[in-house]
C-alpha atoms as a PDB file:
ATOM      1  CA  MET A   1      20.797 -11.266   1.005  1.00  0.00           C
ATOM      2  CA  ALA A   2      18.358  -8.391   0.559  1.00  0.00           C
ATOM      3  CA  GLY A   3      18.696  -5.323   2.735  1.00  0.00           C
ATOM      4  CA  VAL A   4      15.281  -3.749   2.067  1.00  0.00           C
ATOM      5  CA  VAL A   5      12.241  -5.868   1.200  1.00  0.00           C
ATOM      6  CA  ALA A   6       8.831  -4.409   0.343  1.00  0.00           C
ATOM      7  CA  VAL A   7       5.901  -6.719   1.131  1.00  0.00           C
ATOM      8  CA  SER A   8       2.345  -6.380  -0.118  1.00  0.00           C
ATOM      9  CA  MET A   9      -1.063  -7.986  -0.420  1.00  0.00           C
ATOM     10  CA  ALA A  10      -3.017  -7.711  -3.675  1.00  0.00           C
ATOM     11  CA  GLN A  11      -6.629  -8.191  -4.685  1.00  0.00           C
ATOM     12  CA  ASP A  12      -8.136  -7.036  -7.982  1.00  0.00           C
ATOM     13  CA  GLU A  13      -5.735  -4.166  -8.717  1.00  0.00           C
ATOM     14  CA  ALA A  14      -5.131  -4.947 -12.410  1.00  0.00           C
ATOM     15  CA  ASP A  15      -5.400  -1.311 -13.490  1.00  0.00           C
ATOM     16  CA  ILE A  16      -2.559  -0.135 -11.236  1.00  0.00           C
ATOM     17  CA  CYS A  17      -0.487  -3.058  -9.923  1.00  0.00           C
ATOM     18  CA  LEU A  18       2.123  -3.092 -12.694  1.00  0.00           C
ATOM     19  CA  ALA A  19       2.822   0.592 -12.179  1.00  0.00           C
ATOM     20  CA  THR A  20       3.126   0.488  -8.389  1.00  0.00           C
ATOM     21  CA  VAL A  21       4.955  -2.845  -8.151  1.00  0.00           C
ATOM     22  CA  GLY A  22       7.189  -1.904 -11.078  1.00  0.00           C
ATOM     23  CA  HIS A  23       8.075   1.326  -9.311  1.00  0.00           C
ATOM     24  CA  MET A  24       8.807  -0.516  -6.068  1.00  0.00           C
ATOM     25  CA  LEU A  25      11.094  -3.010  -7.821  1.00  0.00           C
ATOM     26  CA  ALA A  26      13.389  -0.108  -8.680  1.00  0.00           C
ATOM     27  CA  GLN A  27      13.293   1.221  -5.115  1.00  0.00           C
ATOM     28  CA  VAL A  28      14.099  -1.843  -2.978  1.00  0.00           C
ATOM     29  CA  ASP A  29      15.955  -5.155  -3.170  1.00  0.00           C
ATOM     30  CA  ARG A  30      13.070  -7.674  -3.190  1.00  0.00           C
ATOM     31  CA  VAL A  31       9.273  -7.532  -3.461  1.00  0.00           C
ATOM     32  CA  PRO A  32       7.132 -10.509  -2.349  1.00  0.00           C
ATOM     33  CA  VAL A  33       3.411 -10.001  -3.054  1.00  0.00           C
ATOM     34  CA  ALA A  34       0.630 -12.230  -1.694  1.00  0.00           C
ATOM     35  CA  ASP A  35      -2.332 -12.298  -4.070  1.00  0.00           C
ATOM     36  CA  ASN A  36      -5.666 -12.706  -2.300  1.00  0.00           C
ATOM     37  CA  ARG A  37      -8.092 -14.423  -4.669  1.00  0.00           C
ATOM     38  CA  SER A  38      -7.900 -11.859  -7.492  1.00  0.00           C
ATOM     39  CA  THR A  39     -10.339 -12.447 -10.337  1.00  0.00           C
ATOM     40  CA  ASP A  40      -9.464  -9.515 -12.628  1.00  0.00           C
ATOM     41  CA  GLY A  41      -6.086 -10.740 -13.918  1.00  0.00           C
ATOM     42  CA  THR A  42      -3.921  -9.202 -11.171  1.00  0.00           C
ATOM     43  CA  ARG A  43      -2.402 -12.572 -10.215  1.00  0.00           C
ATOM     44  CA  GLU A  44      -1.503 -13.376 -13.811  1.00  0.00           C
ATOM     45  CA  MET A  45      -0.082  -9.914 -14.483  1.00  0.00           C
ATOM     46  CA  LEU A  46       2.147 -10.052 -11.425  1.00  0.00           C
ATOM     47  CA  GLY A  47       3.206 -13.599 -12.327  1.00  0.00           C
ATOM     48  CA  ASN A  48       4.263 -12.439 -15.777  1.00  0.00           C
ATOM     49  CA  LEU A  49       6.130  -9.520 -14.251  1.00  0.00           C
ATOM     50  CA  SER A  50       8.008 -11.845 -11.895  1.00  0.00           C
ATOM     51  CA  GLY A  51       9.241 -13.764 -14.946  1.00  0.00           C
ATOM     52  CA  GLU A  52      10.917 -10.578 -16.143  1.00  0.00           C
ATOM     53  CA  HIS A  53      12.055  -9.438 -12.692  1.00  0.00           C
ATOM     54  CA  PRO A  54      13.339 -12.249 -10.446  1.00  0.00           C
ATOM     55  CA  THR A  55      13.359  -9.941  -7.415  1.00  0.00           C
ATOM     56  CA  LEU A  56       9.527 -10.117  -7.495  1.00  0.00           C
ATOM     57  CA  SER A  57       7.921 -13.175  -5.893  1.00  0.00           C
ATOM     58  CA  VAL A  58       4.174 -13.813  -6.154  1.00  0.00           C
ATOM     59  CA  LEU A  59       2.572 -15.882  -3.406  1.00  0.00           C
ATOM     60  CA  ASP A  60      -1.029 -17.021  -2.998  1.00  0.00           C
ATOM     61  CA  ASP A  61      -3.241 -16.078  -0.059  1.00  0.00           C
ATOM     62  CA  PRO A  62      -6.528 -18.043  -0.258  1.00  0.00           C
ATOM     63  CA  GLU A  63      -7.982 -16.691   3.019  1.00  0.00           C
ATOM     64  CA  ILE A  64     -10.811 -14.254   2.325  1.00  0.00           C
ATOM     65  CA  ALA A  65     -10.693 -12.600   5.770  1.00  0.00           C
ATOM     66  CA  TYR A  66      -8.878  -9.266   5.870  1.00  0.00           C
ATOM     67  CA  ASN A  67      -6.626 -10.100   8.798  1.00  0.00           C
ATOM     68  CA  GLN A  68      -4.068  -7.652   7.509  1.00  0.00           C
ATOM     69  CA  SER A  69      -1.937  -7.353  10.637  1.00  0.00           C
ATOM     70  CA  PRO A  70      -1.069 -11.057  10.999  1.00  0.00           C
ATOM     71  CA  LYS A  71      -0.758 -11.499   7.246  1.00  0.00           C
ATOM     72  CA  MET A  72       1.662  -8.596   6.817  1.00  0.00           C
ATOM     73  CA  SER A  73       3.580  -9.621   9.926  1.00  0.00           C
ATOM     74  CA  ARG A  74       4.010 -13.109   8.463  1.00  0.00           C
ATOM     75  CA  LEU A  75       5.195 -11.607   5.180  1.00  0.00           C
ATOM     76  CA  ALA A  76       7.711  -9.535   7.159  1.00  0.00           C
ATOM     77  CA  GLU A  77       8.933 -12.680   8.922  1.00  0.00           C
ATOM     78  CA  TYR A  78       9.190 -14.424   5.537  1.00  0.00           C
ATOM     79  CA  ALA A  79      11.242 -11.533   4.153  1.00  0.00           C
ATOM     80  CA  ARG A  80      13.577 -11.621   7.132  1.00  0.00           C
ATOM     81  CA  ASP A  81      14.029 -15.403   7.220  1.00  0.00           C
ATOM     82  CA  ILE A  82      14.141 -16.123   3.475  1.00  0.00           C
ATOM     83  CA  TYR A  83      15.785 -12.988   2.113  1.00  0.00           C
ATOM     84  CA  GLY A  84      17.730 -11.745   5.127  1.00  0.00           C
ATOM     85  CA  ALA A  85      15.891  -8.413   5.137  1.00  0.00           C
ATOM     86  CA  ASP A  86      17.087  -5.673   7.438  1.00  0.00           C
ATOM     87  CA  TRP A  87      14.187  -3.322   6.608  1.00  0.00           C
ATOM     88  CA  ILE A  88      10.573  -4.184   5.754  1.00  0.00           C
ATOM     89  CA  LEU A  89       8.396  -1.802   3.755  1.00  0.00           C
ATOM     90  CA  PRO A  90       4.701  -2.843   3.863  1.00  0.00           C
ATOM     91  CA  PHE A  91       2.818  -1.285   0.946  1.00  0.00           C
ATOM     92  CA  ASP A  92      -0.589  -1.457  -0.705  1.00  0.00           C
ATOM     93  CA  GLN A  93      -1.011  -1.937  -4.418  1.00  0.00           C
ATOM     94  CA  ASP A  94      -2.470   1.567  -4.814  1.00  0.00           C
ATOM     95  CA  GLU A  95       0.501   3.339  -3.197  1.00  0.00           C
ATOM     96  CA  PHE A  96       3.571   4.974  -4.708  1.00  0.00           C
ATOM     97  CA  TRP A  97       6.318   5.259  -2.085  1.00  0.00           C
ATOM     98  CA  LEU A  98       9.076   7.850  -2.532  1.00  0.00           C
ATOM     99  CA  THR A  99      11.854   9.429  -0.538  1.00  0.00           C
ATOM    100  CA  ARG A 100      11.515  13.109   0.235  1.00  0.00           C
ATOM    101  CA  ASP A 101      14.684  13.855  -1.795  1.00  0.00           C
ATOM    102  CA  ARG A 102      13.670  11.402  -4.589  1.00  0.00           C
ATOM    103  CA  SER A 103      16.682   9.134  -4.086  1.00  0.00           C
ATOM    104  CA  ARG A 104      16.271   5.338  -3.930  1.00  0.00           C
ATOM    105  CA  ILE A 105      14.265   4.143  -0.925  1.00  0.00           C
ATOM    106  CA  ALA A 106      16.669   1.325  -0.061  1.00  0.00           C
ATOM    107  CA  ASP A 107      19.613   3.733   0.003  1.00  0.00           C
ATOM    108  CA  VAL A 108      17.814   6.085   2.390  1.00  0.00           C
ATOM    109  CA  LEU A 109      16.658   3.360   4.777  1.00  0.00           C
ATOM    110  CA  GLU A 110      20.032   1.635   4.889  1.00  0.00           C
ATOM    111  CA  ALA A 111      21.723   4.950   5.741  1.00  0.00           C
ATOM    112  CA  LEU A 112      19.535   5.551   8.814  1.00  0.00           C
ATOM    113  CA  PRO A 113      21.129   5.188  12.270  1.00  0.00           C
ATOM    114  CA  ASP A 114      21.166   1.667  13.697  1.00  0.00           C
ATOM    115  CA  ALA A 115      18.945   2.825  16.560  1.00  0.00           C
ATOM    116  CA  ALA A 116      16.116   3.825  14.185  1.00  0.00           C
ATOM    117  CA  LEU A 117      13.491   1.065  14.071  1.00  0.00           C
ATOM    118  CA  VAL A 118      10.698   2.898  12.225  1.00  0.00           C
ATOM    119  CA  ALA A 119      10.652   5.249   9.236  1.00  0.00           C
ATOM    120  CA  GLU A 120       7.335   7.063   8.897  1.00  0.00           C
ATOM    121  CA  ALA A 121       5.924   8.153   5.547  1.00  0.00           C
ATOM    122  CA  VAL A 122       3.629  11.134   5.124  1.00  0.00           C
ATOM    123  CA  VAL A 123       0.597  10.321   2.966  1.00  0.00           C
ATOM    124  CA  PHE A 124      -1.042  12.310   0.168  1.00  0.00           C
ATOM    125  CA  ASP A 125      -4.362  11.163  -1.306  1.00  0.00           C
ATOM    126  CA  HIS A 126      -4.892  11.734  -5.023  1.00  0.00           C
ATOM    127  CA  VAL A 127      -8.279  12.537  -6.524  1.00  0.00           C
ATOM    128  CA  ALA A 128      -9.527  10.810  -9.659  1.00  0.00           C
ATOM    129  CA  VAL A 129      -9.680  12.839 -12.873  1.00  0.00           C
ATOM    130  CA  ASP A 130     -10.700  11.863 -16.380  1.00  0.00           C
ATOM    131  CA  GLY A 131      -8.122  10.122 -18.520  1.00  0.00           C
ATOM    132  CA  HIS A 132      -5.708   9.109 -15.743  1.00  0.00           C
ATOM    133  CA  VAL A 133      -5.392   5.916 -13.728  1.00  0.00           C
ATOM    134  CA  LEU A 134      -2.624   7.657 -11.793  1.00  0.00           C
ATOM    135  CA  SER A 135      -4.116  11.112 -11.366  1.00  0.00           C
ATOM    136  CA  PRO A 136      -1.547  13.930 -11.112  1.00  0.00           C
ATOM    137  CA  TRP A 137      -3.863  15.878  -8.770  1.00  0.00           C
ATOM    138  CA  ARG A 138      -3.819  15.449  -4.998  1.00  0.00           C
ATOM    139  CA  HIS A 139      -5.276  17.004  -1.889  1.00  0.00           C
ATOM    140  CA  ALA A 140      -3.350  20.013  -0.602  1.00  0.00           C
ATOM    141  CA  THR A 141      -3.010  18.603   2.896  1.00  0.00           C
ATOM    142  CA  MET A 142      -1.509  15.361   4.135  1.00  0.00           C
ATOM    143  CA  VAL A 143      -3.610  12.506   5.480  1.00  0.00           C
ATOM    144  CA  PRO A 144      -3.536  12.557   9.321  1.00  0.00           C
ATOM    145  CA  LEU A 145      -2.350   8.945   9.595  1.00  0.00           C
ATOM    146  CA  ARG A 146       1.089   7.925   8.391  1.00  0.00           C
ATOM    147  CA  LYS A 147       2.450   4.640   7.039  1.00  0.00           C
ATOM    148  CA  VAL A 148       5.657   2.977   8.202  1.00  0.00           C
ATOM    149  CA  ALA A 149       8.696   1.044   7.087  1.00  0.00           C
ATOM    150  CA  VAL A 150      10.255  -0.986   9.895  1.00  0.00           C
ATOM    151  CA  ARG A 151      13.387  -2.853  10.927  1.00  0.00           C
ATOM    152  CA  ALA A 152      13.086  -6.603  10.423  1.00  0.00           C
ATOM    153  CA  ARG A 153      13.527  -7.533  14.090  1.00  0.00           C
ATOM    154  CA  GLU A 154      12.316 -10.543  16.032  1.00  0.00           C
ATOM    155  CA  GLY A 155       9.002  -9.835  17.719  1.00  0.00           C
ATOM    156  CA  LEU A 156       7.821  -7.431  15.001  1.00  0.00           C
ATOM    157  CA  THR A 157       4.077  -6.928  14.529  1.00  0.00           C
ATOM    158  CA  ILE A 158       2.802  -4.734  11.704  1.00  0.00           C
ATOM    159  CA  ARG A 159      -0.525  -3.261  12.768  1.00  0.00           C
ATOM    160  CA  GLN A 160      -3.760  -3.163  10.766  1.00  0.00           C
ATOM    161  CA  GLY A 161      -3.519  -0.642   7.963  1.00  0.00           C
ATOM    162  CA  ASN A 162       0.306  -0.581   8.001  1.00  0.00           C
ATOM    163  CA  HIS A 163       0.102   2.654   9.988  1.00  0.00           C
ATOM    164  CA  SER A 164       2.291   1.479  12.854  1.00  0.00           C
ATOM    165  CA  ALA A 165       4.323  -1.408  14.185  1.00  0.00           C
ATOM    166  CA  THR A 166       5.336  -2.781  17.553  1.00  0.00           C
ATOM    167  CA  PHE A 167       8.443  -4.641  18.660  1.00  0.00           C
ATOM    168  CA  GLU A 168       8.309  -7.125  21.502  1.00  0.00           C
ATOM    169  CA  GLY A 169      10.130  -5.741  24.531  1.00  0.00           C
ATOM    170  CA  ILE A 170      10.539  -2.223  23.076  1.00  0.00           C
ATOM    171  CA  ALA A 171       8.008   0.259  24.403  1.00  0.00           C
ATOM    172  CA  TYR A 172       9.057   3.318  22.391  1.00  0.00           C
ATOM    173  CA  PRO A 173      10.876   2.417  19.159  1.00  0.00           C
ATOM    174  CA  LEU A 174      12.842   5.299  17.678  1.00  0.00           C
ATOM    175  CA  ALA A 175      11.076   6.664  14.591  1.00  0.00           C
ATOM    176  CA  VAL A 176      12.441   8.801  11.753  1.00  0.00           C
ATOM    177  CA  THR A 177       9.755  11.118  10.386  1.00  0.00           C
ATOM    178  CA  ASN A 178      11.290  13.102   7.528  1.00  0.00           C
ATOM    179  CA  ALA A 179      12.583  10.519   5.048  1.00  0.00           C
ATOM    180  CA  LEU A 180       9.602   9.042   3.178  1.00  0.00           C
ATOM    181  CA  GLU A 181       6.306   9.978   1.555  1.00  0.00           C
ATOM    182  CA  LEU A 182       3.674   8.057  -0.323  1.00  0.00           C
ATOM    183  CA  HIS A 183       1.033   8.947  -2.856  1.00  0.00           C
ATOM    184  CA  HIS A 184      -2.234   7.070  -2.533  1.00  0.00           C
ATOM    185  CA  PHE A 185      -4.594   6.365  -5.438  1.00  0.00           C
ATOM    186  CA  PRO A 186      -7.489   4.620  -3.655  1.00  0.00           C
ATOM    187  CA  TYR A 187     -10.346   5.156  -6.114  1.00  0.00           C
ATOM    188  CA  ARG A 188      -9.679   5.480  -9.838  1.00  0.00           C
ATOM    189  CA  SER A 189     -13.204   5.076 -11.261  1.00  0.00           C
ATOM    190  CA  ALA A 190     -16.716   4.375 -10.040  1.00  0.00           C
ATOM    191  CA  GLU A 191     -16.472   0.783 -11.287  1.00  0.00           C
ATOM    192  CA  GLN A 192     -13.179   0.231  -9.495  1.00  0.00           C
ATOM    193  CA  MET A 193     -14.549   1.714  -6.272  1.00  0.00           C
ATOM    194  CA  ILE A 194     -17.603  -0.551  -6.392  1.00  0.00           C
ATOM    195  CA  ARG A 195     -15.392  -3.618  -6.830  1.00  0.00           C
ATOM    196  CA  LYS A 196     -13.045  -2.497  -4.058  1.00  0.00           C
ATOM    197  CA  VAL A 197     -15.916  -1.824  -1.655  1.00  0.00           C
ATOM    198  CA  ARG A 198     -17.487  -5.215  -2.307  1.00  0.00           C
ATOM    199  CA  ASN A 199     -14.162  -6.984  -1.781  1.00  0.00           C
ATOM    200  CA  GLY A 200     -13.332  -4.965   1.332  1.00  0.00           C
ATOM    201  CA  ALA A 201     -16.721  -5.409   2.982  1.00  0.00           C
ATOM    202  CA  ALA A 202     -16.695  -9.164   2.387  1.00  0.00           C
ATOM    203  CA  ALA A 203     -13.133  -9.451   3.685  1.00  0.00           C
ATOM    204  CA  TYR A 204     -13.914  -7.577   6.913  1.00  0.00           C
ATOM    205  CA  ALA A 205     -17.174  -9.506   7.410  1.00  0.00           C
ATOM    206  CA  ALA A 206     -15.115 -12.719   7.371  1.00  0.00           C
ATOM    207  CA  THR A 207     -12.948 -11.538  10.289  1.00  0.00           C
ATOM    208  CA  ASP A 208     -13.639 -11.481  14.009  1.00  0.00           C
ATOM    209  CA  LEU A 209     -12.233  -7.952  14.288  1.00  0.00           C
ATOM    210  CA  PRO A 210     -14.269  -5.335  16.190  1.00  0.00           C
ATOM    211  CA  ASP A 211     -16.798  -3.407  14.107  1.00  0.00           C
ATOM    212  CA  ASP A 212     -14.810  -0.175  14.434  1.00  0.00           C
ATOM    213  CA  VAL A 213     -11.895  -1.774  12.562  1.00  0.00           C
ATOM    214  CA  GLY A 214     -12.549  -1.270   8.861  1.00  0.00           C
ATOM    215  CA  ALA A 215     -15.674   0.716   9.736  1.00  0.00           C
ATOM    216  CA  HIS A 216     -15.691   2.647   6.445  1.00  0.00           C
ATOM    217  CA  TRP A 217     -15.515  -0.585   4.429  1.00  0.00           C
ATOM    218  CA  ARG A 218     -18.411  -2.022   6.408  1.00  0.00           C
ATOM    219  CA  ALA A 219     -20.438   1.187   5.951  1.00  0.00           C
ATOM    220  CA  TYR A 220     -19.724   1.427   2.229  1.00  0.00           C
ATOM    221  CA  GLY A 221     -20.629  -2.240   1.889  1.00  0.00           C
ATOM    222  CA  ARG A 222     -24.189  -1.458   2.973  1.00  0.00           C
ATOM    223  CA  LEU A 223     -24.628   0.947   0.036  1.00  0.00           C
ATOM    224  CA  THR A 224     -26.045   0.006  -3.355  1.00  0.00           C
ATOM    225  CA  ASP A 225     -23.768   0.111  -6.383  1.00  0.00           C
ATOM    226  CA  GLY A 226     -25.498   3.323  -7.450  1.00  0.00           C
ATOM    227  CA  GLN A 227     -24.888   4.919  -4.080  1.00  0.00           C
ATOM    228  CA  ILE A 228     -21.220   3.929  -4.201  1.00  0.00           C
ATOM    229  CA  ALA A 229     -20.934   5.503  -7.659  1.00  0.00           C
ATOM    230  CA  GLU A 230     -22.536   8.689  -6.301  1.00  0.00           C
ATOM    231  CA  THR A 231     -20.078   8.685  -3.385  1.00  0.00           C
ATOM    232  CA  PHE A 232     -17.198   8.381  -5.839  1.00  0.00           C
ATOM    233  CA  GLU A 233     -18.440  11.293  -7.939  1.00  0.00           C
ATOM    234  CA  ARG A 234     -18.999  13.495  -4.884  1.00  0.00           C
ATOM    235  CA  TRP A 235     -15.877  12.803  -2.811  1.00  0.00           C
ATOM    236  CA  PHE A 236     -13.185  11.116  -4.894  1.00  0.00           C
ATOM    237  CA  TYR A 237     -13.486  12.606  -8.392  1.00  0.00           C
ATOM    238  CA  SER A 238     -13.008  16.068  -9.870  1.00  0.00           C
ATOM    239  CA  ALA A 239     -13.786  17.296 -13.369  1.00  0.00           C
ATOM    240  CA  THR A 240     -12.025  20.601 -12.636  1.00  0.00           C
ATOM    241  CA  PRO A 241      -9.223  19.756 -10.172  1.00  0.00           C
ATOM    242  CA  GLU A 242      -7.360  23.075 -10.389  1.00  0.00           C
ATOM    243  CA  ALA A 243     -10.504  25.095  -9.799  1.00  0.00           C
ATOM    244  CA  ASP A 244     -11.460  22.753  -6.966  1.00  0.00           C
ATOM    245  CA  GLY A 245      -8.210  23.507  -5.139  1.00  0.00           C
ATOM    246  CA  TYR A 246      -6.259  20.316  -5.768  1.00  0.00           C
ATOM    247  CA  VAL A 247      -2.474  20.400  -6.141  1.00  0.00           C
ATOM    248  CA  PHE A 248      -0.808  19.296  -9.384  1.00  0.00           C
ATOM    249  CA  ASP A 249       1.798  16.768  -8.227  1.00  0.00           C
ATOM    250  CA  PRO A 250       2.467  14.041 -10.812  1.00  0.00           C
ATOM    251  CA  CYS A 251       3.914  10.905  -9.294  1.00  0.00           C
ATOM    252  CA  PRO A 252       6.907   9.244 -10.992  1.00  0.00           C
ATOM    253  CA  LEU A 253       5.662   6.559 -13.324  1.00  0.00           C
ATOM    254  CA  SER A 254       6.757   2.941 -13.341  1.00  0.00           C
ATOM    255  CA  PRO A 255      10.145   2.408 -15.034  1.00  0.00           C
ATOM    256  CA  LEU A 256       8.750  -0.617 -16.879  1.00  0.00           C
END
């Protein structure tokens, strides 16, 4: 039985997936990942990693539509029913999750009071710099939205973006807000951003979600590749991060 299970979806994250999944394998008890039609070797890389680490399971998700909420909720149900999870940690392939005191995530979650159903994580976005897939430079302020780890209860729904969760019959689930943080590496190069935008726009176009859900993916998807590259250079990259006011905060690397 696995007390804490981290669940994830993956698509074309070959440059970073081994680092983030490898890190998570050391932090929790099991990690099932659903690969969504990757074409860059991500599926094969994670499959090879699972051969070395039996606590990693790689599943296949052939549905192009980015119906993240039902997909992650099903993964949470799978983790509860198959692995006996008590806690579910939904994570993206470009996220490094940590505890605030740098102890093991599973140990912190399992020590929380039984009444706690949600553990919120503060989010820091990192900016791309030359020579680093995992840039050690981040924004000085936290992202307004948080991410959550949740108790594996019946009636659990993980909401789009993994920013919140609901429990059937519980209006105000008790949340712990000071235990977790995550470091987000959304755009690592212009080429990677172009690929991610194209995948994201196509995935949202295949859903019946309202246009305001995934609005930035839909807007980016209307840009040319050159315009996306210009957006990366202007907003997500720095040649002089210290001078530009970014904070040097290297994230722990994968133990693999």
